[in-house]
């Protein structure tokens, strides 16, 4: 599964989500779980915003070797799932690539639908979307210009939604071992995700 994360500048929220996804994939040997990110008004060529980089490190990811880039249709087309940080960005992406609307959600929207409906595929989340419309906003606000504490809050909010969503979508078969013999992530009540203690990393997806 290839996931595209999109925010505005592509130096903070979308990068946090991308690098957290990569860390989860590396930690658990999920070779077919990949991620990239882009921005609707990207600061093209810029690296990760310093406080966002600290947040990524605190969540167990790596913020190095990154350059912001602008969202292009081909990035959307090659993704299996597109997760935006706000409803406006989601709608902008759908306007850019209308045929991809069924795989474009906000992160919080996809997480909520999967949790409430029990959906375990992108198609199931899309089908359940109209029946589970939320009155309110499902946005993750941009912390640029705010305190380090606000960055941590944003990082934690991303992780709290992203980790169980990835688990639900990528390993919906349930418990067992992957093709390398490693224990799978499993979904626990309340949306938490764990592996047996012998293989779990306490840092991935939990702000240090």
Protein backbone atom coordinates (compact mmCIF):
# COMPACT_ATOMS: atom_id res chain seq x y z
CA UNK A 1 0.00 0.00 0.00
CA UNK A 2 1.40 3.37 -1.05
CA UNK A 3 0.17 6.40 0.90
CA UNK A 4 0.44 10.06 -0.12
CA UNK A 5 0.15 12.68 2.63
CA UNK A 6 -0.68 16.26 1.72
CA UNK A 7 -0.61 19.51 3.66
CA UNK A 8 0.06 23.09 2.58
CA UNK A 9 3.81 23.74 2.74
CA UNK A 10 5.06 20.13 2.89
CA UNK A 11 7.51 20.97 5.65
CA UNK A 12 5.52 19.96 8.72
CA UNK A 13 2.29 17.94 9.02
CA UNK A 14 2.53 15.82 5.87
CA UNK A 15 6.21 15.10 6.50
CA UNK A 16 5.50 13.99 10.06
CA UNK A 17 2.91 11.54 8.73
CA UNK A 18 5.17 10.34 5.92
CA UNK A 19 8.16 9.70 8.14
CA UNK A 20 6.06 8.05 10.84
CA UNK A 21 4.63 5.68 8.22
CA UNK A 22 8.12 4.85 6.98
CA UNK A 23 9.27 4.20 10.54
CA UNK A 24 6.35 1.84 11.16
CA UNK A 25 7.05 0.00 7.91
CA UNK A 26 10.75 -0.37 8.71
CA UNK A 27 10.16 -1.40 12.32
CA UNK A 28 7.75 -4.17 11.39
CA UNK A 29 9.20 -5.34 8.08
CA UNK A 30 6.23 -4.13 6.04
CA UNK A 31 8.03 -3.86 2.73
CA UNK A 32 4.89 -3.08 0.75
CA UNK A 33 3.88 -0.15 2.97
CA UNK A 34 5.40 3.00 1.47
CA UNK A 35 4.75 6.71 1.83
CA UNK A 36 5.54 10.10 0.35
CA UNK A 37 4.24 13.63 0.81
CA UNK A 38 3.60 16.88 -1.01
CA UNK A 39 2.10 20.32 -0.48
CA UNK A 40 -0.59 22.28 -2.26
CA UNK A 41 1.54 25.42 -1.82
CA UNK A 42 4.81 23.73 -1.05
CA UNK A 43 7.97 25.51 0.01
CA UNK A 44 9.72 23.69 -2.82
CA UNK A 45 13.22 22.52 -1.96
CA UNK A 46 13.01 23.36 1.75
CA UNK A 47 13.89 20.77 4.36
CA UNK A 48 11.71 19.76 7.29
CA UNK A 49 10.80 22.66 9.57
CA UNK A 50 13.11 22.39 12.62
CA UNK A 51 10.40 21.86 15.24
CA UNK A 52 8.68 19.38 12.94
CA UNK A 53 12.00 17.53 12.66
CA UNK A 54 12.18 17.32 16.45
CA UNK A 55 8.64 15.99 16.49
CA UNK A 56 9.46 13.32 13.92
CA UNK A 57 12.48 12.23 15.95
CA UNK A 58 10.37 12.15 19.11
CA UNK A 59 7.90 9.84 17.37
CA UNK A 60 10.65 7.46 16.31
CA UNK A 61 11.09 8.61 12.71
CA UNK A 62 13.91 10.15 10.68
CA UNK A 63 13.64 13.71 9.36
CA UNK A 64 16.79 13.66 7.22
CA UNK A 65 17.14 13.75 3.42
CA UNK A 66 13.92 15.55 2.68
CA UNK A 67 12.97 18.34 0.27
CA UNK A 68 9.49 19.80 0.02
CA UNK A 69 7.66 19.46 -3.28
CA UNK A 70 4.45 20.66 -4.85
CA UNK A 71 1.49 18.34 -5.29
CA UNK A 72 1.12 17.04 -8.84
CA UNK A 73 -1.60 14.85 -10.37
CA UNK A 74 0.77 11.94 -10.95
CA UNK A 75 1.52 11.73 -7.22
CA UNK A 76 -2.19 11.30 -6.52
CA UNK A 77 -2.66 8.82 -9.35
CA UNK A 78 0.07 6.46 -8.18
CA UNK A 79 -1.05 6.43 -4.54
CA UNK A 80 -3.37 3.77 -3.16
CA UNK A 81 -4.53 6.16 -0.45
CA UNK A 82 -4.30 9.96 -0.20
CA UNK A 83 -4.58 11.52 3.26
CA UNK A 84 -4.93 15.29 3.58
CA UNK A 85 -4.49 17.28 6.76
CA UNK A 86 -7.60 19.43 6.27
CA UNK A 87 -10.95 19.21 4.52
CA UNK A 88 -10.03 22.11 2.23
CA UNK A 89 -6.85 20.36 1.12
CA UNK A 90 -8.81 17.14 0.59
CA UNK A 91 -11.28 18.96 -1.62
CA UNK A 92 -8.48 20.70 -3.53
CA UNK A 93 -6.86 17.34 -4.28
CA UNK A 94 -10.15 15.87 -5.44
CA UNK A 95 -10.61 18.87 -7.71
CA UNK A 96 -7.15 18.31 -9.17
CA UNK A 97 -7.76 14.60 -9.84
CA UNK A 98 -11.54 13.99 -9.81
CA UNK A 99 -11.26 10.33 -10.74
CA UNK A 100 -9.29 9.69 -7.54
CA UNK A 101 -11.95 11.05 -5.17
CA UNK A 102 -12.72 7.59 -3.78
CA UNK A 103 -9.26 7.27 -2.25
CA UNK A 104 -8.89 10.82 -0.92
CA UNK A 105 -9.75 11.56 2.72
CA UNK A 106 -8.57 13.68 5.57
CA UNK A 107 -6.48 11.62 7.98
CA UNK A 108 -8.98 12.12 10.80
CA UNK A 109 -11.91 11.29 8.52
CA UNK A 110 -10.41 7.99 7.36
CA UNK A 111 -9.48 7.05 10.92
CA UNK A 112 -12.96 7.85 12.25
CA UNK A 113 -14.77 5.94 9.52
CA UNK A 114 -12.53 2.88 9.91
CA UNK A 115 -12.98 2.92 13.67
CA UNK A 116 -16.75 3.41 13.67
CA UNK A 117 -17.66 1.21 10.71
CA UNK A 118 -15.06 -1.52 11.05
CA UNK A 119 -13.95 -0.88 7.46
CA UNK A 120 -10.68 -2.62 6.65
CA UNK A 121 -10.10 -1.58 3.04
CA UNK A 122 -9.94 1.79 1.31
CA UNK A 123 -13.01 0.88 -0.76
CA UNK A 124 -14.96 0.04 2.40
CA UNK A 125 -14.01 3.36 3.98
CA UNK A 126 -15.17 5.18 0.86
CA UNK A 127 -18.48 3.29 0.79
CA UNK A 128 -19.11 4.11 4.44
CA UNK A 129 -18.24 7.77 4.02
CA UNK A 130 -21.70 9.05 3.07
CA UNK A 131 -23.38 7.17 5.91
CA UNK A 132 -20.95 8.50 8.50
CA UNK A 133 -20.78 12.19 7.66
CA UNK A 134 -19.57 14.17 10.68
CA UNK A 135 -21.03 17.54 11.59
CA UNK A 136 -17.88 19.45 12.42
CA UNK A 137 -14.30 19.74 11.28
CA UNK A 138 -11.77 16.98 10.85
CA UNK A 139 -8.71 19.12 10.38
CA UNK A 140 -5.20 18.98 11.80
CA UNK A 141 -4.13 22.61 12.14
CA UNK A 142 -0.79 23.87 10.90
CA UNK A 143 1.51 24.50 13.91
CA UNK A 144 4.06 26.58 11.96
CA UNK A 145 4.95 29.65 14.00
CA UNK A 146 3.67 28.14 17.24
CA UNK A 147 5.45 26.59 20.22
CA UNK A 148 7.32 23.30 20.39
CA UNK A 149 4.50 22.02 22.60
CA UNK A 150 1.99 22.66 19.81
CA UNK A 151 4.18 20.72 17.39
CA UNK A 152 4.21 17.79 19.81
CA UNK A 153 0.43 17.98 20.08
CA UNK A 154 0.11 17.88 16.30
CA UNK A 155 2.55 14.98 16.08
CA UNK A 156 0.66 13.04 18.71
CA UNK A 157 -2.67 13.72 17.02
CA UNK A 158 -1.30 12.48 13.71
CA UNK A 159 0.14 9.36 15.33
CA UNK A 160 -3.01 8.57 17.31
CA UNK A 161 -5.04 8.47 14.09
CA UNK A 162 -2.43 7.19 11.65
CA UNK A 163 -1.04 4.17 13.50
CA UNK A 164 -4.37 2.35 14.03
CA UNK A 165 -5.55 3.32 10.54
CA UNK A 166 -2.46 1.83 8.91
CA UNK A 167 -2.83 -1.28 11.01
CA UNK A 168 -6.50 -1.67 10.08
CA UNK A 169 -5.83 -1.22 6.36
CA UNK A 170 -2.53 -3.00 5.96
CA UNK A 171 -3.00 -5.99 8.22
CA UNK A 172 -6.74 -6.51 8.19
CA UNK A 173 -6.32 -10.29 8.14
CA UNK A 174 -5.70 -10.19 11.91
CA UNK A 175 -3.06 -11.75 14.10
CA UNK A 176 -0.30 -14.00 12.91
CA UNK A 177 3.15 -13.63 11.40
CA UNK A 178 4.27 -11.87 8.27
CA UNK A 179 6.24 -13.64 5.54
CA UNK A 180 9.43 -13.01 7.50
CA UNK A 181 8.04 -14.74 10.56
CA UNK A 182 7.70 -11.49 12.49
CA UNK A 183 4.63 -10.98 14.69
CA UNK A 184 2.04 -8.75 13.06
CA UNK A 185 0.72 -5.54 14.49
CA UNK A 186 -2.72 -6.13 15.93
CA UNK A 187 -5.60 -3.74 16.55
CA UNK A 188 -6.61 -3.49 20.19
CA UNK A 189 -9.75 -1.99 21.72
CA UNK A 190 -9.60 1.79 21.74
CA UNK A 191 -7.61 2.02 18.53
CA UNK A 192 -4.24 1.18 20.06
CA UNK A 193 -1.75 -0.97 18.18
CA UNK A 194 0.89 -3.24 19.62
CA UNK A 195 3.24 -6.08 18.88
CA UNK A 196 4.49 -8.58 21.43
CA UNK A 197 6.91 -6.88 23.80
CA UNK A 198 9.92 -8.73 22.41
CA UNK A 199 9.64 -6.91 19.08
CA UNK A 200 7.80 -3.68 19.85
CA UNK A 201 9.58 -0.35 19.86
CA UNK A 202 8.24 2.00 22.53
CA UNK A 203 9.25 5.01 20.45
CA UNK A 204 7.42 4.42 17.17
CA UNK A 205 4.24 6.48 17.20
CA UNK A 206 4.64 7.64 20.78
CA UNK A 207 6.15 11.02 21.45
CA UNK A 208 9.30 10.64 23.47
